[in-house]
């Protein structure tokens, strides 16, 4: 729509390509924060040898906000590692495979209060802006970690920075940012326990070729007089794949 295309133009994407890579990245980021990896290189050599503040993912409750393809892939991995997953969807009537239960966005604050951690996989769409706001962050326990591999617009940065500076959260991993590359003077660089990742969760050696193949797959469908397999249905207020 931003390009001025008419409603009748067929649009496809390659959104299926990075699903597994992003899901692996999200789970890796969660484990990195829980196992306290970022601080290992910062500790002095004379630290107590067995000292650790590592936490368990197994047995914890993780909110996975956004249960699309990436969110479901994250849930499969977290569940395999023994976490209890709560999928946050547009409506709590939707059942999500692998999740212990599902709640609608209207119950996000309440769900956060009984969760240990949160992984955000939300798109930038109407209704998702600053969905993880001050109230949601305040409801999380102080030992919680937050990982965002969705879109930067879904998290209230000001509230997040405040929570981290006041130690109301254990840590955060952001792979997405409002301005990319992140400017050198961005406050995120100085926020304690905030790991800045350069929007590379999608990356793996075969990714460029897989994107090209996705285009060829859709072109082949079109030439065979079939609807392209990655057709995007565009509405005025949202995009649905």
Protein backbone atom coordinates (compact mmCIF):
# COMPACT_ATOMS: atom_id res chain seq x y z
CA UNK A 1 0.00 0.00 0.00
CA UNK A 2 2.86 2.36 0.79
CA UNK A 3 4.15 1.82 -2.74
CA UNK A 4 0.85 2.93 -4.21
CA UNK A 5 -0.01 -0.43 -5.74
CA UNK A 6 -3.63 -1.06 -6.62
CA UNK A 7 -5.64 -3.56 -4.53
CA UNK A 8 -5.64 -6.07 -7.40
CA UNK A 9 -1.86 -6.56 -7.48
CA UNK A 10 -0.69 -9.94 -6.20
CA UNK A 11 1.92 -9.61 -3.46
CA UNK A 12 4.10 -12.42 -2.16
CA UNK A 13 6.84 -12.55 0.43
CA UNK A 14 9.56 -14.86 1.73
CA UNK A 15 8.45 -14.79 5.36
CA UNK A 16 8.70 -18.59 5.65
CA UNK A 17 12.44 -18.57 4.97
CA UNK A 18 13.82 -17.20 8.28
CA UNK A 19 11.34 -18.90 10.64
CA UNK A 20 13.65 -21.61 11.98
CA UNK A 21 16.67 -19.31 12.16
CA UNK A 22 14.82 -16.61 14.09
CA UNK A 23 13.33 -19.18 16.46
CA UNK A 24 16.78 -20.61 17.21
CA UNK A 25 18.12 -17.10 17.78
CA UNK A 26 15.33 -16.26 20.21
CA UNK A 27 15.87 -19.39 22.28
CA UNK A 28 19.65 -18.87 22.23
CA UNK A 29 19.17 -15.30 23.46
CA UNK A 30 16.94 -16.48 26.29
CA UNK A 31 19.50 -19.06 27.41
CA UNK A 32 22.33 -16.54 27.12
CA UNK A 33 20.58 -14.18 29.54
CA UNK A 34 19.41 -16.89 31.91
CA UNK A 35 22.84 -18.47 32.12
CA UNK A 36 24.47 -15.09 32.66
CA UNK A 37 26.81 -15.43 29.66
CA UNK A 38 27.17 -11.65 28.98
CA UNK A 39 28.86 -11.09 32.33
CA UNK A 40 31.42 -13.91 32.10
CA UNK A 41 33.99 -11.80 30.25
CA UNK A 42 33.42 -8.84 32.57
CA UNK A 43 34.12 -10.57 35.87
CA UNK A 44 37.57 -10.23 37.44
CA UNK A 45 39.86 -13.25 37.52
CA UNK A 46 39.70 -13.34 41.32
CA UNK A 47 35.95 -13.91 41.40
CA UNK A 48 34.68 -16.85 43.46
CA UNK A 49 35.17 -19.85 41.19
CA UNK A 50 31.77 -21.43 41.71
CA UNK A 51 29.78 -18.21 41.91
CA UNK A 52 26.84 -18.10 39.50
CA UNK A 53 23.49 -16.40 39.21
CA UNK A 54 22.35 -18.69 36.39
CA UNK A 55 18.68 -19.63 36.21
CA UNK A 56 16.80 -22.56 34.71
CA UNK A 57 14.70 -22.39 31.57
CA UNK A 58 13.36 -25.87 32.32
CA UNK A 59 10.25 -25.55 34.46
CA UNK A 60 9.87 -21.83 33.90
CA UNK A 61 6.83 -20.17 32.34
CA UNK A 62 7.52 -18.20 29.16
CA UNK A 63 5.08 -15.85 27.47
CA UNK A 64 5.48 -16.03 23.71
CA UNK A 65 3.79 -12.89 22.44
CA UNK A 66 2.73 -13.44 18.87
CA UNK A 67 1.86 -16.97 17.75
CA UNK A 68 2.54 -16.73 14.04
CA UNK A 69 5.02 -18.94 12.27
CA UNK A 70 8.00 -17.69 14.26
CA UNK A 71 6.14 -17.70 17.57
CA UNK A 72 5.02 -21.29 17.05
CA UNK A 73 8.56 -22.33 16.14
CA UNK A 74 9.82 -20.68 19.35
CA UNK A 75 7.17 -22.50 21.37
CA UNK A 76 8.19 -25.87 19.92
CA UNK A 77 11.78 -25.32 21.00
CA UNK A 78 11.00 -23.93 24.43
CA UNK A 79 8.59 -26.76 25.16
CA UNK A 80 11.25 -29.30 24.11
CA UNK A 81 13.58 -27.73 26.69
CA UNK A 82 11.00 -28.15 29.41
CA UNK A 83 9.52 -24.65 29.58
CA UNK A 84 5.82 -24.04 30.09
CA UNK A 85 4.69 -21.83 27.22
CA UNK A 86 1.79 -19.40 27.21
CA UNK A 87 0.93 -18.16 23.74
CA UNK A 88 -0.40 -14.61 23.53
CA UNK A 89 -2.72 -14.29 20.55
CA UNK A 90 -5.30 -11.84 19.32
CA UNK A 91 -7.95 -13.95 21.01
CA UNK A 92 -7.63 -16.52 23.77
CA UNK A 93 -9.92 -18.87 21.81
CA UNK A 94 -7.04 -19.88 19.54
CA UNK A 95 -5.27 -23.11 20.44
CA UNK A 96 -1.52 -23.14 19.77
CA UNK A 97 0.32 -26.44 19.38
CA UNK A 98 2.94 -26.95 22.09
CA UNK A 99 1.65 -24.17 24.33
CA UNK A 100 0.21 -25.00 27.73
CA UNK A 101 -2.46 -22.41 27.11
CA UNK A 102 -3.28 -19.34 25.08
CA UNK A 103 -4.46 -15.93 26.21
CA UNK A 104 -5.66 -12.94 24.27
CA UNK A 105 -3.83 -9.63 24.29
CA UNK A 106 -6.47 -8.31 26.67
CA UNK A 107 -5.06 -10.65 29.31
CA UNK A 108 -1.39 -9.83 28.69
CA UNK A 109 -0.77 -7.94 31.95
CA UNK A 110 -2.37 -10.67 34.02
CA UNK A 111 -0.41 -13.35 32.18
CA UNK A 112 2.84 -11.44 32.67
CA UNK A 113 2.29 -11.43 36.42
CA UNK A 114 2.39 -15.24 36.49
CA UNK A 115 5.20 -15.65 33.95
CA UNK A 116 8.95 -15.92 34.39
CA UNK A 117 10.10 -14.64 31.00
CA UNK A 118 8.82 -13.23 27.75
CA UNK A 119 9.70 -13.62 24.06
CA UNK A 120 8.18 -11.12 21.64
CA UNK A 121 7.56 -12.24 18.05
CA UNK A 122 5.03 -9.59 17.08
CA UNK A 123 4.83 -7.86 13.70
CA UNK A 124 4.50 -4.12 13.24
CA UNK A 125 0.76 -3.95 12.73
CA UNK A 126 -2.26 -2.04 14.00
CA UNK A 127 -2.73 -2.86 17.66
CA UNK A 128 0.84 -3.98 18.36
CA UNK A 129 2.52 -0.60 18.91
CA UNK A 130 3.98 -0.46 22.45
CA UNK A 131 1.96 -3.54 23.40
CA UNK A 132 4.74 -4.42 25.83
CA UNK A 133 4.32 -1.24 27.80
CA UNK A 134 5.05 -0.05 31.34
CA UNK A 135 2.17 -2.06 32.81
CA UNK A 136 3.27 -5.32 31.19
CA UNK A 137 6.92 -4.81 32.16
CA UNK A 138 5.95 -3.92 35.73
CA UNK A 139 3.90 -7.10 36.01
CA UNK A 140 6.91 -9.28 35.19
CA UNK A 141 9.00 -10.56 38.12
CA UNK A 142 12.48 -9.06 38.68
CA UNK A 143 14.13 -12.31 37.53
CA UNK A 144 12.44 -12.09 34.11
CA UNK A 145 14.31 -11.75 30.83
CA UNK A 146 12.79 -10.26 27.69
CA UNK A 147 13.79 -11.17 24.15
CA UNK A 148 12.44 -9.29 21.13
CA UNK A 149 12.87 -10.78 17.66
CA UNK A 150 9.66 -9.24 16.33
CA UNK A 151 9.54 -5.52 15.67
CA UNK A 152 10.93 -2.64 17.71
CA UNK A 153 7.63 -0.77 17.69
CA UNK A 154 6.02 -3.42 19.87
CA UNK A 155 8.08 -2.57 22.98
CA UNK A 156 7.97 0.73 24.87
CA UNK A 157 11.69 1.57 24.93
CA UNK A 158 11.39 4.25 27.59
CA UNK A 159 9.60 1.89 29.97
CA UNK A 160 12.04 -0.91 29.16
CA UNK A 161 15.12 1.22 29.85
CA UNK A 162 13.61 2.39 33.13
CA UNK A 163 12.87 -1.19 34.19
CA UNK A 164 16.43 -2.31 33.43
CA UNK A 165 18.06 0.66 35.12
CA UNK A 166 15.99 0.06 38.27
CA UNK A 167 16.77 -3.68 38.14
CA UNK A 168 13.09 -4.49 37.78
CA UNK A 169 14.14 -6.97 35.05
CA UNK A 170 17.07 -9.35 34.92
CA UNK A 171 17.96 -8.61 31.31
CA UNK A 172 16.81 -7.93 27.77
CA UNK A 173 17.97 -8.98 24.31
CA UNK A 174 16.86 -6.79 21.40
CA UNK A 175 17.49 -7.85 17.82
CA UNK A 176 15.27 -5.08 16.43
CA UNK A 177 15.52 -1.32 16.86
CA UNK A 178 13.61 1.80 15.82
CA UNK A 179 16.62 3.12 13.86
CA UNK A 180 19.00 0.68 12.18
CA UNK A 181 21.94 0.63 12.36
CA UNK A 182 21.54 1.76 15.95
CA UNK A 183 23.16 5.23 16.26
CA UNK A 184 26.25 5.51 18.49
CA UNK A 185 24.44 7.97 20.75
CA UNK A 186 21.34 5.83 21.24
CA UNK A 187 20.61 5.38 24.96
CA UNK A 188 20.27 1.61 24.48
CA UNK A 189 24.07 1.32 24.42
CA UNK A 190 24.33 2.49 28.03
CA UNK A 191 21.40 0.61 29.57
CA UNK A 192 22.62 -2.09 31.96
CA UNK A 193 21.80 -5.71 31.15
CA UNK A 194 20.58 -4.81 27.67
CA UNK A 195 22.14 -6.83 24.86
CA UNK A 196 22.04 -5.08 21.47
CA UNK A 197 21.94 -7.44 18.50
CA UNK A 198 22.32 -6.03 14.95
CA UNK A 199 19.04 -7.40 13.52
CA UNK A 200 20.57 -10.66 12.34
CA UNK A 201 18.27 -13.34 13.76
CA UNK A 202 17.23 -14.18 10.21
CA UNK A 203 20.76 -14.88 9.00
CA UNK A 204 22.11 -18.28 8.02
CA UNK A 205 24.41 -19.33 5.15
CA UNK A 206 21.62 -20.45 2.83
CA UNK A 207 19.26 -17.54 3.52
CA UNK A 208 19.86 -15.48 0.34
CA UNK A 209 19.43 -18.53 -1.86
CA UNK A 210 16.30 -19.59 0.02
CA UNK A 211 14.77 -16.15 -0.52
CA UNK A 212 15.52 -16.45 -4.23
CA UNK A 213 13.97 -19.92 -4.31
CA UNK A 214 10.85 -18.62 -2.58
CA UNK A 215 10.47 -16.06 -5.36
CA UNK A 216 10.89 -18.77 -8.00
CA UNK A 217 8.35 -21.00 -6.24
CA UNK A 218 5.76 -18.25 -6.34
CA UNK A 219 6.57 -17.41 -9.95
CA UNK A 220 6.17 -21.08 -10.85
CA UNK A 221 2.76 -21.15 -9.18
CA UNK A 222 1.69 -18.07 -11.08
CA UNK A 223 2.84 -19.50 -14.41
CA UNK A 224 0.91 -22.69 -13.67
CA UNK A 225 -2.23 -20.60 -13.11
CA UNK A 226 -2.21 -21.28 -9.37
CA UNK A 227 -2.35 -18.79 -6.53
CA UNK A 228 1.21 -18.20 -5.32
CA UNK A 229 1.96 -20.21 -2.19
CA UNK A 230 3.26 -17.16 -0.31
CA UNK A 231 0.43 -14.86 -1.30
CA UNK A 232 -0.11 -11.92 1.05
CA UNK A 233 -3.69 -10.78 1.47
CA UNK A 234 -3.60 -7.03 1.96
CA UNK A 235 -6.34 -5.17 3.79
CA UNK A 236 -6.56 -1.51 4.61
CA UNK A 237 -5.69 -1.96 8.26
CA UNK A 238 -3.53 -5.07 8.29
CA UNK A 239 -1.49 -7.56 6.33
CA UNK A 240 -2.29 -11.24 6.63
CA UNK A 241 -0.14 -14.05 5.19
